[in-house]
C-alpha atoms as a PDB file:
ATOM      1  CA  MET A   1      92.135 131.222  18.920  1.00  0.00           C
ATOM      2  CA  LEU A   2      92.131 127.428  19.128  1.00  0.00           C
ATOM      3  CA  ARG A   3      95.925 127.382  19.040  1.00  0.00           C
ATOM      4  CA  SER A   4      95.993 129.858  21.929  1.00  0.00           C
ATOM      5  CA  TYR A   5      93.740 127.597  23.978  1.00  0.00           C
ATOM      6  CA  ILE A   6      95.877 124.580  23.144  1.00  0.00           C
ATOM      7  CA  ARG A   7      99.084 126.407  24.102  1.00  0.00           C
ATOM      8  CA  ALA A   8      97.517 127.657  27.332  1.00  0.00           C
ATOM      9  CA  GLY A   9      96.228 124.175  28.197  1.00  0.00           C
ATOM     10  CA  SER A  10      99.587 122.613  27.417  1.00  0.00           C
ATOM     11  CA  GLY A  11     101.315 125.198  29.595  1.00  0.00           C
ATOM     12  CA  VAL A  12      99.004 124.511  32.519  1.00  0.00           C
ATOM     13  CA  ALA A  13      99.445 120.738  32.130  1.00  0.00           C
ATOM     14  CA  PHE A  14     103.219 121.123  31.989  1.00  0.00           C
ATOM     15  CA  ALA A  15     103.234 123.346  35.091  1.00  0.00           C
ATOM     16  CA  LEU A  16     101.088 120.852  37.003  1.00  0.00           C
ATOM     17  CA  ALA A  17     103.373 117.986  35.976  1.00  0.00           C
ATOM     18  CA  VAL A  18     106.444 119.909  37.146  1.00  0.00           C
ATOM     19  CA  LEU A  19     104.733 120.752  40.438  1.00  0.00           C
ATOM     20  CA  GLU A  20     103.751 117.099  40.915  1.00  0.00           C
ATOM     21  CA  LEU A  21     107.336 115.955  40.381  1.00  0.00           C
ATOM     22  CA  ALA A  22     108.660 118.670  42.703  1.00  0.00           C
ATOM     23  CA  LEU A  23     106.272 117.630  45.489  1.00  0.00           C
ATOM     24  CA  ARG A  24     106.898 113.879  45.258  1.00  0.00           C
ATOM     25  CA  PRO A  25     110.137 113.954  47.322  1.00  0.00           C
ATOM     26  CA  LEU A  26     108.253 115.789  50.088  1.00  0.00           C
ATOM     27  CA  SER A  27     104.855 114.100  50.109  1.00  0.00           C
ATOM     28  CA  THR A  28     103.580 110.724  48.931  1.00  0.00           C
ATOM     29  CA  PRO A  29     100.050 110.142  47.615  1.00  0.00           C
ATOM     30  CA  ASN A  30      99.706 106.931  49.622  1.00  0.00           C
ATOM     31  CA  LEU A  31      98.543 106.890  53.229  1.00  0.00           C
ATOM     32  CA  PRO A  32      99.990 104.450  55.789  1.00  0.00           C
ATOM     33  CA  PRO A  33      98.431 100.967  55.885  1.00  0.00           C
ATOM     34  CA  ILE A  34      95.542 100.645  58.325  1.00  0.00           C
ATOM     35  CA  ALA A  35      96.857  99.111  61.548  1.00  0.00           C
ATOM     36  CA  GLU A  36      95.844  95.462  61.932  1.00  0.00           C
ATOM     37  CA  PRO A  37      97.768  94.001  64.904  1.00  0.00           C
ATOM     38  CA  ARG A  38      96.603  90.420  64.314  1.00  0.00           C
ATOM     39  CA  ALA A  39      98.318  90.376  60.907  1.00  0.00           C
ATOM     40  CA  ASP A  40     101.516  92.101  61.997  1.00  0.00           C
ATOM     41  CA  SER A  41     104.974  90.551  62.119  1.00  0.00           C
ATOM     42  CA  ILE A  42     108.461  91.755  62.914  1.00  0.00           C
ATOM     43  CA  GLY A  43     110.698  91.896  59.892  1.00  0.00           C
ATOM     44  CA  SER A  44     107.962  92.441  57.309  1.00  0.00           C
ATOM     45  CA  LEU A  45     108.510  94.838  54.439  1.00  0.00           C
ATOM     46  CA  ALA A  46     108.291  98.533  55.296  1.00  0.00           C
ATOM     47  CA  VAL A  47     105.993 101.072  53.651  1.00  0.00           C
ATOM     48  CA  GLU A  48     107.338 104.628  53.404  1.00  0.00           C
ATOM     49  CA  THR A  49     105.164 107.729  53.505  1.00  0.00           C
ATOM     50  CA  ARG A  50     106.145 111.391  53.368  1.00  0.00           C
ATOM     51  CA  GLN A  51     104.098 114.442  54.326  1.00  0.00           C
ATOM     52  CA  LEU A  52     104.437 118.220  54.571  1.00  0.00           C
ATOM     53  CA  GLU A  53     101.167 119.178  56.232  1.00  0.00           C
ATOM     54  CA  GLU A  54     102.893 119.584  59.622  1.00  0.00           C
ATOM     55  CA  GLY A  55     106.598 120.089  59.227  1.00  0.00           C
ATOM     56  CA  ILE A  56     108.266 117.784  56.719  1.00  0.00           C
ATOM     57  CA  GLY A  57     108.336 114.153  57.793  1.00  0.00           C
ATOM     58  CA  THR A  58     109.225 110.714  56.452  1.00  0.00           C
ATOM     59  CA  SER A  59     107.792 107.699  58.269  1.00  0.00           C
ATOM     60  CA  HIS A  60     107.799 103.932  57.859  1.00  0.00           C
ATOM     61  CA  PHE A  61     105.168 101.320  58.668  1.00  0.00           C
ATOM     62  CA  SER A  62     104.968  97.560  58.569  1.00  0.00           C
ATOM     63  CA  LEU A  63     102.601  96.071  55.995  1.00  0.00           C
ATOM     64  CA  ALA A  64     100.097  95.628  58.834  1.00  0.00           C
ATOM     65  CA  GLY A  65     100.326  99.278  59.831  1.00  0.00           C
ATOM     66  CA  ALA A  66     102.682  99.259  62.826  1.00  0.00           C
ATOM     67  CA  ARG A  67     104.591 102.547  63.142  1.00  0.00           C
ATOM     68  CA  LEU A  68     108.228 101.519  63.041  1.00  0.00           C
ATOM     69  CA  THR A  69     110.844 102.785  65.486  1.00  0.00           C
ATOM     70  CA  GLY A  70     113.969 102.652  63.335  1.00  0.00           C
ATOM     71  CA  ASN A  71     115.597 100.265  65.818  1.00  0.00           C
ATOM     72  CA  ALA A  72     116.494  96.689  64.958  1.00  0.00           C
ATOM     73  CA  ALA A  73     114.182  94.116  66.526  1.00  0.00           C
ATOM     74  CA  ILE A  74     115.597  91.736  69.152  1.00  0.00           C
ATOM     75  CA  PRO A  75     114.486  88.113  68.669  1.00  0.00           C
ATOM     76  CA  ASP A  76     112.362  86.705  71.527  1.00  0.00           C
ATOM     77  CA  ALA A  77     112.470  89.984  73.496  1.00  0.00           C
ATOM     78  CA  ALA A  78     109.555  91.176  75.601  1.00  0.00           C
ATOM     79  CA  THR A  79     107.065  93.361  73.721  1.00  0.00           C
ATOM     80  CA  ILE A  80     105.562  96.690  74.710  1.00  0.00           C
ATOM     81  CA  VAL A  81     102.544  97.763  72.637  1.00  0.00           C
ATOM     82  CA  ILE A  82     101.558 101.427  72.315  1.00  0.00           C
ATOM     83  CA  LEU A  83      98.035 102.229  71.100  1.00  0.00           C
ATOM     84  CA  GLY A  84      96.746 105.661  70.121  1.00  0.00           C
ATOM     85  CA  ASP A  85      95.416 107.984  67.464  1.00  0.00           C
ATOM     86  CA  SER A  86      97.338 110.168  65.008  1.00  0.00           C
ATOM     87  CA  HIS A  87      99.782 111.065  67.787  1.00  0.00           C
ATOM     88  CA  VAL A  88     100.998 107.459  67.543  1.00  0.00           C
ATOM     89  CA  VAL A  89     100.761 107.356  63.740  1.00  0.00           C
ATOM     90  CA  ALA A  90     103.198 110.303  64.019  1.00  0.00           C
ATOM     91  CA  ARG A  91     103.754 110.967  60.313  1.00  0.00           C
ATOM     92  CA  GLU A  92     105.193 114.361  61.229  1.00  0.00           C
ATOM     93  CA  ILE A  93     108.466 113.002  62.643  1.00  0.00           C
ATOM     94  CA  SER A  94     111.075 110.397  61.750  1.00  0.00           C
ATOM     95  CA  ASP A  95     110.965 106.801  63.009  1.00  0.00           C
ATOM     96  CA  ASP A  96     113.691 107.227  65.619  1.00  0.00           C
ATOM     97  CA  GLU A  97     111.930 110.287  67.096  1.00  0.00           C
ATOM     98  CA  THR A  98     108.685 108.490  68.004  1.00  0.00           C
ATOM     99  CA  MET A  99     107.761 107.813  71.624  1.00  0.00           C
ATOM    100  CA  GLY A 100     108.104 104.078  70.996  1.00  0.00           C
ATOM    101  CA  ALA A 101     111.628 104.517  69.664  1.00  0.00           C
ATOM    102  CA  TRP A 102     112.552 106.362  72.858  1.00  0.00           C
ATOM    103  CA  VAL A 103     111.032 103.630  75.031  1.00  0.00           C
ATOM    104  CA  GLU A 104     112.960 100.997  73.096  1.00  0.00           C
ATOM    105  CA  ARG A 105     116.305 102.815  73.310  1.00  0.00           C
ATOM    106  CA  LEU A 106     115.963 103.696  76.991  1.00  0.00           C
ATOM    107  CA  ALA A 107     114.941 100.154  77.927  1.00  0.00           C
ATOM    108  CA  ARG A 108     117.859  98.636  76.043  1.00  0.00           C
ATOM    109  CA  LYS A 109     120.223 101.178  77.569  1.00  0.00           C
ATOM    110  CA  ASP A 110     119.089  99.849  80.954  1.00  0.00           C
ATOM    111  CA  LEU A 111     119.909  96.331  79.694  1.00  0.00           C
ATOM    112  CA  HIS A 112     116.287  95.271  79.253  1.00  0.00           C
ATOM    113  CA  LEU A 113     115.521  93.422  76.030  1.00  0.00           C
ATOM    114  CA  VAL A 114     112.446  95.155  74.614  1.00  0.00           C
ATOM    115  CA  ASN A 115     110.672  95.502  71.283  1.00  0.00           C
ATOM    116  CA  VAL A 116     107.985  98.162  70.871  1.00  0.00           C
ATOM    117  CA  ARG A 117     105.047  97.883  68.472  1.00  0.00           C
ATOM    118  CA  GLN A 118     103.128 101.105  67.903  1.00  0.00           C
ATOM    119  CA  TYR A 119      99.624 101.084  66.418  1.00  0.00           C
ATOM    120  CA  GLY A 120      97.839 104.328  65.633  1.00  0.00           C
ATOM    121  CA  TRP A 121      94.584 105.154  63.858  1.00  0.00           C
ATOM    122  CA  ARG A 122      93.879 108.696  62.711  1.00  0.00           C
ATOM    123  CA  GLY A 123      90.933 110.180  64.587  1.00  0.00           C
ATOM    124  CA  ALA A 124      90.583 107.071  66.772  1.00  0.00           C
ATOM    125  CA  SER A 125      89.371 106.930  70.372  1.00  0.00           C
ATOM    126  CA  PRO A 126      89.248 104.176  73.050  1.00  0.00           C
ATOM    127  CA  PRO A 127      86.568 102.080  71.294  1.00  0.00           C
ATOM    128  CA  GLN A 128      89.182 101.340  68.602  1.00  0.00           C
ATOM    129  CA  TYR A 129      91.685 100.135  71.186  1.00  0.00           C
ATOM    130  CA  LEU A 130      89.051  97.948  72.822  1.00  0.00           C
ATOM    131  CA  LEU A 131      88.139  96.521  69.415  1.00  0.00           C
ATOM    132  CA  VAL A 132      91.715  95.306  68.793  1.00  0.00           C
ATOM    133  CA  ALA A 133      92.490  94.283  72.378  1.00  0.00           C
ATOM    134  CA  ASN A 134      92.116  90.541  71.823  1.00  0.00           C
ATOM    135  CA  ASP A 135      94.183  90.711  68.633  1.00  0.00           C
ATOM    136  CA  VAL A 136      96.974  92.607  70.418  1.00  0.00           C
ATOM    137  CA  LEU A 137      97.059  90.148  73.307  1.00  0.00           C
ATOM    138  CA  ALA A 138      96.894  87.070  71.080  1.00  0.00           C
ATOM    139  CA  ARG A 139      99.527  88.296  68.627  1.00  0.00           C
ATOM    140  CA  TRP A 140     102.120  89.725  71.016  1.00  0.00           C
ATOM    141  CA  ASN A 141     101.315  88.645  74.602  1.00  0.00           C
ATOM    142  CA  PRO A 142     102.778  92.023  75.543  1.00  0.00           C
ATOM    143  CA  ALA A 143     104.484  92.694  78.838  1.00  0.00           C
ATOM    144  CA  GLN A 144     102.868  96.135  78.816  1.00  0.00           C
ATOM    145  CA  VAL A 145     100.166  97.941  76.854  1.00  0.00           C
ATOM    146  CA  VAL A 146     100.358 101.736  76.801  1.00  0.00           C
ATOM    147  CA  VAL A 147      97.207 103.591  75.725  1.00  0.00           C
ATOM    148  CA  VAL A 148      97.781 107.231  74.760  1.00  0.00           C
ATOM    149  CA  LEU A 149      94.758 109.498  75.262  1.00  0.00           C
ATOM    150  CA  ASP A 150      94.030 113.187  74.731  1.00  0.00           C
ATOM    151  CA  GLY A 151      91.204 115.546  75.595  1.00  0.00           C
ATOM    152  CA  ASP A 152      88.972 114.474  72.693  1.00  0.00           C
ATOM    153  CA  ASP A 153      88.929 110.923  74.081  1.00  0.00           C
ATOM    154  CA  LEU A 154      87.312 112.076  77.336  1.00  0.00           C
ATOM    155  CA  GLY A 155      84.306 113.908  75.891  1.00  0.00           C
ATOM    156  CA  ALA A 156      81.611 113.236  73.309  1.00  0.00           C
ATOM    157  CA  ASP A 157      83.889 111.923  70.537  1.00  0.00           C
ATOM    158  CA  PRO A 158      83.977 108.246  71.629  1.00  0.00           C
ATOM    159  CA  LEU A 159      80.166 108.287  71.725  1.00  0.00           C
ATOM    160  CA  ASN A 160      79.212 110.054  68.525  1.00  0.00           C
ATOM    161  CA  ARG A 161      82.178 110.716  66.235  1.00  0.00           C
ATOM    162  CA  ARG A 162      84.199 108.266  64.126  1.00  0.00           C
ATOM    163  CA  PHE A 163      83.461 104.559  64.155  1.00  0.00           C
ATOM    164  CA  PRO A 164      83.981 102.417  66.060  1.00  0.00           C
ATOM    165  CA  ARG A 165      82.052 104.271  68.731  1.00  0.00           C
ATOM    166  CA  MET A 166      80.963 103.079  72.135  1.00  0.00           C
ATOM    167  CA  ARG A 167      77.689 102.954  74.014  1.00  0.00           C
ATOM    168  CA  ILE A 168      77.751 103.154  77.810  1.00  0.00           C
ATOM    169  CA  LEU A 169      75.533 100.560  79.444  1.00  0.00           C
ATOM    170  CA  PRO A 170      74.444 100.202  83.085  1.00  0.00           C
ATOM    171  CA  ASN A 171      77.298  99.738  85.576  1.00  0.00           C
ATOM    172  CA  ASP A 172      79.491 101.771  83.217  1.00  0.00           C
ATOM    173  CA  SER A 173      80.101  98.806  80.926  1.00  0.00           C
ATOM    174  CA  VAL A 174      80.910  99.554  77.290  1.00  0.00           C
ATOM    175  CA  GLU A 175      79.416  98.223  74.061  1.00  0.00           C
ATOM    176  CA  ILE A 176      81.308  98.768  70.809  1.00  0.00           C
ATOM    177  CA  VAL A 177      79.261 100.261  67.971  1.00  0.00           C
ATOM    178  CA  SER A 178      80.589  99.435  64.498  1.00  0.00           C
ATOM    179  CA  ASP A 179      80.000 101.343  61.283  1.00  0.00           C
ATOM    180  CA  PRO A 180      76.477 100.501  60.090  1.00  0.00           C
ATOM    181  CA  GLU A 181      77.644 100.782  56.486  1.00  0.00           C
ATOM    182  CA  HIS A 182      80.405  98.209  57.161  1.00  0.00           C
ATOM    183  CA  THR A 183      82.924 100.271  55.264  1.00  0.00           C
ATOM    184  CA  LYS A 184      86.596  99.701  55.841  1.00  0.00           C
ATOM    185  CA  PRO A 185      88.938 102.686  55.427  1.00  0.00           C
ATOM    186  CA  SER A 186      91.545 102.264  52.754  1.00  0.00           C
ATOM    187  CA  GLY A 187      95.260 102.708  53.263  1.00  0.00           C
ATOM    188  CA  THR A 188      95.655 104.248  49.840  1.00  0.00           C
ATOM    189  CA  ASP A 189      94.874 107.715  48.565  1.00  0.00           C
ATOM    190  CA  HIS A 190      95.147 109.470  45.219  1.00  0.00           C
ATOM    191  CA  TYR A 191      97.854 108.516  42.776  1.00  0.00           C
ATOM    192  CA  SER A 192      98.752 112.193  42.596  1.00  0.00           C
ATOM    193  CA  THR A 193     100.566 113.990  45.415  1.00  0.00           C
ATOM    194  CA  LEU A 194      99.160 117.292  44.197  1.00  0.00           C
ATOM    195  CA  ALA A 195      95.612 115.931  44.250  1.00  0.00           C
ATOM    196  CA  THR A 196      96.158 114.510  47.747  1.00  0.00           C
ATOM    197  CA  LEU A 197      97.376 117.839  49.101  1.00  0.00           C
ATOM    198  CA  ALA A 198      94.506 119.677  47.410  1.00  0.00           C
ATOM    199  CA  ARG A 199      91.996 117.255  48.940  1.00  0.00           C
ATOM    200  CA  ILE A 200      93.510 117.661  52.418  1.00  0.00           C
ATOM    201  CA  ARG A 201      93.417 121.448  52.127  1.00  0.00           C
ATOM    202  CA  TRP A 202      89.812 121.342  50.889  1.00  0.00           C
ATOM    203  CA  GLN A 203      88.808 119.135  53.824  1.00  0.00           C
ATOM    204  CA  GLN A 204      90.400 121.582  56.239  1.00  0.00           C
ATOM    205  CA  VAL A 205      88.448 124.439  54.665  1.00  0.00           C
ATOM    206  CA  VAL A 206      85.168 122.501  54.758  1.00  0.00           C
ATOM    207  CA  GLU A 207      85.673 121.388  58.369  1.00  0.00           C
ATOM    208  CA  ARG A 208      85.867 125.037  59.399  1.00  0.00           C
ATOM    209  CA  ALA A 209      82.825 126.087  57.393  1.00  0.00           C
ATOM    210  CA  PRO A 210      79.415 126.675  59.023  1.00  0.00           C
ATOM    211  CA  LYS A 211      77.161 123.640  59.188  1.00  0.00           C
ATOM    212  CA  SER A 212      74.789 125.123  56.614  1.00  0.00           C
ATOM    213  CA  VAL A 213      77.650 125.506  54.132  1.00  0.00           C
ATOM    214  CA  ARG A 214      78.800 121.929  54.727  1.00  0.00           C
ATOM    215  CA  TYR A 215      75.238 120.739  54.119  1.00  0.00           C
ATOM    216  CA  TRP A 216      75.058 122.770  50.894  1.00  0.00           C
ATOM    217  CA  LEU A 217      78.353 121.213  49.768  1.00  0.00           C
ATOM    218  CA  ASN A 218      76.996 117.786  50.734  1.00  0.00           C
ATOM    219  CA  ALA A 219      80.342 117.172  52.438  1.00  0.00           C
ATOM    220  CA  ARG A 220      80.770 114.032  54.503  1.00  0.00           C
ATOM    221  CA  VAL A 221      83.553 115.435  56.671  1.00  0.00           C
ATOM    222  CA  GLU A 222      82.395 113.265  59.529  1.00  0.00           C
ATOM    223  CA  ARG A 223      79.234 111.415  60.462  1.00  0.00           C
ATOM    224  CA  ARG A 224      78.351 112.328  64.024  1.00  0.00           C
ATOM    225  CA  GLY A 225      75.629 110.660  65.996  1.00  0.00           C
ATOM    226  CA  PRO A 226      73.267 112.465  68.393  1.00  0.00           C
ATOM    227  CA  GLN A 227      74.974 114.832  70.818  1.00  0.00           C
ATOM    228  CA  PRO A 228      75.111 113.194  74.272  1.00  0.00           C
ATOM    229  CA  ASP A 229      74.068 115.225  77.285  1.00  0.00           C
ATOM    230  CA  ALA A 230      76.473 116.455  79.958  1.00  0.00           C
ATOM    231  CA  ALA A 231      75.652 113.624  82.345  1.00  0.00           C
ATOM    232  CA  GLU A 232      76.503 110.980  79.744  1.00  0.00           C
ATOM    233  CA  ILE A 233      79.747 112.732  78.792  1.00  0.00           C
ATOM    234  CA  ALA A 234      80.752 112.873  82.457  1.00  0.00           C
ATOM    235  CA  VAL A 235      80.675 109.067  82.614  1.00  0.00           C
ATOM    236  CA  VAL A 236      82.968 108.598  79.584  1.00  0.00           C
ATOM    237  CA  PRO A 237      86.376 108.589  81.355  1.00  0.00           C
ATOM    238  CA  ARG A 238      85.185 106.187  84.053  1.00  0.00           C
ATOM    239  CA  ALA A 239      83.638 103.794  81.532  1.00  0.00           C
ATOM    240  CA  GLU A 240      86.757 103.886  79.338  1.00  0.00           C
ATOM    241  CA  VAL A 241      89.124 103.148  82.215  1.00  0.00           C
ATOM    242  CA  LYS A 242      86.985 100.230  83.389  1.00  0.00           C
ATOM    243  CA  ALA A 243      86.763  98.772  79.890  1.00  0.00           C
ATOM    244  CA  LEU A 244      90.485  99.165  79.181  1.00  0.00           C
ATOM    245  CA  ALA A 245      91.333  97.599  82.539  1.00  0.00           C
ATOM    246  CA  ARG A 246      89.120  94.608  81.757  1.00  0.00           C
ATOM    247  CA  ALA A 247      90.687  94.269  78.328  1.00  0.00           C
ATOM    248  CA  PHE A 248      94.363  94.575  79.271  1.00  0.00           C
ATOM    249  CA  GLY A 249      94.524  93.853  83.002  1.00  0.00           C
ATOM    250  CA  SER A 250      97.553  94.758  85.094  1.00  0.00           C
ATOM    251  CA  ARG A 251      99.730  95.341  82.012  1.00  0.00           C
ATOM    252  CA  LEU A 252      97.820  98.565  81.203  1.00  0.00           C
ATOM    253  CA  LEU A 253      99.340 102.052  81.443  1.00  0.00           C
ATOM    254  CA  ILE A 254      97.280 105.080  80.375  1.00  0.00           C
ATOM    255  CA  VAL A 255      99.117 108.248  79.311  1.00  0.00           C
ATOM    256  CA  TYR A 256      97.158 111.476  78.961  1.00  0.00           C
ATOM    257  CA  THR A 257      98.741 113.990  76.574  1.00  0.00           C
ATOM    258  CA  ALA A 258      97.396 117.284  77.885  1.00  0.00           C
ATOM    259  CA  ASP A 259      96.809 120.202  75.508  1.00  0.00           C
ATOM    260  CA  VAL A 260      99.664 122.391  76.713  1.00  0.00           C
ATOM    261  CA  ARG A 261     100.411 125.073  74.144  1.00  0.00           C
ATOM    262  CA  ALA A 262     102.868 127.960  73.980  1.00  0.00           C
ATOM    263  CA  THR A 263     100.797 129.753  76.636  1.00  0.00           C
ATOM    264  CA  GLY A 264      98.155 128.659  79.127  1.00  0.00           C
ATOM    265  CA  GLY A 265      97.282 125.066  79.941  1.00  0.00           C
ATOM    266  CA  GLU A 266      98.117 125.281  83.642  1.00  0.00           C
ATOM    267  CA  LYS A 267      94.645 124.254  84.789  1.00  0.00           C
ATOM    268  CA  THR A 268      93.555 120.618  84.813  1.00  0.00           C
ATOM    269  CA  ASP A 269      90.422 120.145  82.687  1.00  0.00           C
ATOM    270  CA  SER A 270      87.329 118.301  83.895  1.00  0.00           C
ATOM    271  CA  GLY A 271      87.833 115.262  81.651  1.00  0.00           C
ATOM    272  CA  GLU A 272      91.381 114.869  82.900  1.00  0.00           C
ATOM    273  CA  GLU A 273      90.228 115.063  86.532  1.00  0.00           C
ATOM    274  CA  ARG A 274      87.634 112.355  85.876  1.00  0.00           C
ATOM    275  CA  LEU A 275      90.227 110.210  84.143  1.00  0.00           C
ATOM    276  CA  LEU A 276      92.679 110.419  87.042  1.00  0.00           C
ATOM    277  CA  ASP A 277      89.898 109.740  89.558  1.00  0.00           C
ATOM    278  CA  ALA A 278      88.771 106.703  87.563  1.00  0.00           C
ATOM    279  CA  CYS A 279      92.327 105.370  87.346  1.00  0.00           C
ATOM    280  CA  ALA A 280      92.735 105.711  91.113  1.00  0.00           C
ATOM    281  CA  ALA A 281      89.413 103.969  91.744  1.00  0.00           C
ATOM    282  CA  GLN A 282      90.244 101.099  89.383  1.00  0.00           C
ATOM    283  CA  GLN A 283      93.907 100.927  90.486  1.00  0.00           C
ATOM    284  CA  VAL A 284      95.042 101.527  86.909  1.00  0.00           C
ATOM    285  CA  ARG A 285      98.410 103.157  86.302  1.00  0.00           C
ATOM    286  CA  CYS A 286      97.775 106.520  84.723  1.00  0.00           C
ATOM    287  CA  ILE A 287      99.983 109.519  83.973  1.00  0.00           C
ATOM    288  CA  SER A 288      98.988 113.014  82.943  1.00  0.00           C
ATOM    289  CA  MET A 289     101.733 114.743  80.961  1.00  0.00           C
ATOM    290  CA  ARG A 290     100.465 118.217  81.922  1.00  0.00           C
ATOM    291  CA  SER A 291     102.962 119.030  84.697  1.00  0.00           C
ATOM    292  CA  LEU A 292     105.867 117.619  82.686  1.00  0.00           C
ATOM    293  CA  MET A 293     104.850 119.581  79.587  1.00  0.00           C
ATOM    294  CA  LEU A 294     104.563 122.760  81.625  1.00  0.00           C
ATOM    295  CA  ALA A 295     108.001 122.139  83.146  1.00  0.00           C
ATOM    296  CA  ALA A 296     109.435 121.609  79.659  1.00  0.00           C
ATOM    297  CA  ARG A 297     107.859 124.879  78.487  1.00  0.00           C
ATOM    298  CA  ARG A 298     109.443 126.749  81.367  1.00  0.00           C
ATOM    299  CA  ASN A 299     112.748 125.446  80.037  1.00  0.00           C
ATOM    300  CA  GLY A 300     111.987 126.760  76.548  1.00  0.00           C
ATOM    301  CA  ILE A 301     110.624 123.510  75.059  1.00  0.00           C
ATOM    302  CA  VAL A 302     107.167 123.535  73.428  1.00  0.00           C
ATOM    303  CA  VAL A 303     106.000 119.982  72.741  1.00  0.00           C
ATOM    304  CA  ARG A 304     103.455 120.667  69.986  1.00  0.00           C
ATOM    305  CA  GLY A 305     103.726 122.400  66.639  1.00  0.00           C
ATOM    306  CA  PHE A 306     106.206 122.410  63.790  1.00  0.00           C
ATOM    307  CA  SER A 307     108.245 124.800  61.692  1.00  0.00           C
ATOM    308  CA  THR A 308     105.411 125.117  59.158  1.00  0.00           C
ATOM    309  CA  THR A 309     102.546 125.367  61.679  1.00  0.00           C
ATOM    310  CA  THR A 310     101.554 127.382  64.739  1.00  0.00           C
ATOM    311  CA  LEU A 311     103.890 126.825  67.675  1.00  0.00           C
ATOM    312  CA  GLY A 312     102.167 124.855  70.430  1.00  0.00           C
ATOM    313  CA  VAL A 313      99.228 123.707  68.293  1.00  0.00           C
ATOM    314  CA  GLY A 314      98.614 120.329  66.674  1.00  0.00           C
ATOM    315  CA  HIS A 315     100.389 117.026  67.014  1.00  0.00           C
ATOM    316  CA  LEU A 316     103.279 116.251  69.325  1.00  0.00           C
ATOM    317  CA  ASN A 317     106.580 117.243  67.776  1.00  0.00           C
ATOM    318  CA  ALA A 318     109.891 115.412  68.234  1.00  0.00           C
ATOM    319  CA  LYS A 319     110.456 116.979  71.672  1.00  0.00           C
ATOM    320  CA  GLY A 320     106.924 116.007  72.691  1.00  0.00           C
ATOM    321  CA  HIS A 321     107.493 112.401  71.671  1.00  0.00           C
ATOM    322  CA  GLU A 322     110.792 112.324  73.537  1.00  0.00           C
ATOM    323  CA  LEU A 323     109.136 113.618  76.696  1.00  0.00           C
ATOM    324  CA  VAL A 324     106.316 111.066  76.468  1.00  0.00           C
ATOM    325  CA  GLY A 325     108.697 108.213  75.647  1.00  0.00           C
ATOM    326  CA  ARG A 326     110.982 109.026  78.567  1.00  0.00           C
ATOM    327  CA  THR A 327     107.983 109.270  80.886  1.00  0.00           C
ATOM    328  CA  ILE A 328     106.575 105.922  79.743  1.00  0.00           C
ATOM    329  CA  TRP A 329     109.829 104.091  80.332  1.00  0.00           C
ATOM    330  CA  SER A 330     110.414 105.807  83.676  1.00  0.00           C
ATOM    331  CA  GLU A 331     106.964 104.708  84.820  1.00  0.00           C
ATOM    332  CA  LEU A 332     107.252 101.130  83.548  1.00  0.00           C
ATOM    333  CA  SER A 333     110.698 100.521  85.009  1.00  0.00           C
ATOM    334  CA  ARG A 334     109.865 102.201  88.328  1.00  0.00           C
ATOM    335  CA  GLN A 335     106.381 100.924  89.055  1.00  0.00           C
ATOM    336  CA  ASP A 336     106.591  97.240  88.185  1.00  0.00           C
ATOM    337  CA  ALA A 337     109.593  95.447  89.682  1.00  0.00           C
ATOM    338  CA  ARG A 338     108.326  92.112  88.366  1.00  0.00           C
ATOM    339  CA  TYR A 339     108.316  93.520  84.853  1.00  0.00           C
ATOM    340  CA  SER A 340     111.873  94.827  85.172  1.00  0.00           C
ATOM    341  CA  SER A 341     113.041  91.503  86.567  1.00  0.00           C
ATOM    342  CA  LYS A 342     111.355  89.647  83.725  1.00  0.00           C
ATOM    343  CA  LEU A 343     113.129  91.776  81.148  1.00  0.00           C
ATOM    344  CA  ALA A 344     116.484  91.510  82.888  1.00  0.00           C
ATOM    345  CA  LYS A 345     116.314  87.746  82.645  1.00  0.00           C
ATOM    346  CA  GLN A 346     115.654  87.745  78.875  1.00  0.00           C
END
């Protein structure tokens, strides 16, 4: 009997080892480094990560967490900084498919000398971009700062979801709320790819479980604060636009990545309307991708979803990044003649 148990255990261990080795070329146990713009530099060593949760992607990051574009940097060129959440982390696609890579290529094709630095934080919202604003400006003195937003950024999430959060004060001013436990997320994960994938799948299951089940499991999927009321949520887009405009000034461009799926999505949502109204009131350049995404869909292009996931759902795919990148460069080169002239002289 003991020998049977030993043989069975050895067989299971061998099978797990084989599975681990088979998964390693497709998925790495390490996560990308946490983005820290103040410590970033062009030409630093690159960190490679691979994933198969959405499609199969290989991505590269600087040691300070900048999502690389796959294009060679140009010394002393003007810098465009793109800030966002996991859409900018973009582990699902290759370096040269990211929105920043498209901006870089299109700008250089138009004979403008441009480097793009992309910084993304998974699950982040505008308080994170406000937190690093001074670091971004001091490190790069960027010609433009592009902030990529989605629907979650215009509701309760910036107020009560992941840290840093924000508190809206009188006159729509914003106060950043840091993690009271002062914990800093790590850029590393399990040493085992198999364990990493199992943990991710378990988190996905727990996140979809009823609240009572999550409590019974004692799962810290996320630590939400009190739910804000409708009136407070309605102020979020206006407060965010004002704060971002104060932080980045005239170099700011806000891009809203609407949730356009394989069907539906034609109607502008309330958060988007408030965002566009706030941008107009504050004279901040702001683009909603909704109409462009709908036009792409009419031409047979769905900008979200991957071969291994539901079409139209999830992160931007390669076509989505191309559409956003082309739109960003079109807006920057068209709207700001001084900016184009500055680049042309480089």
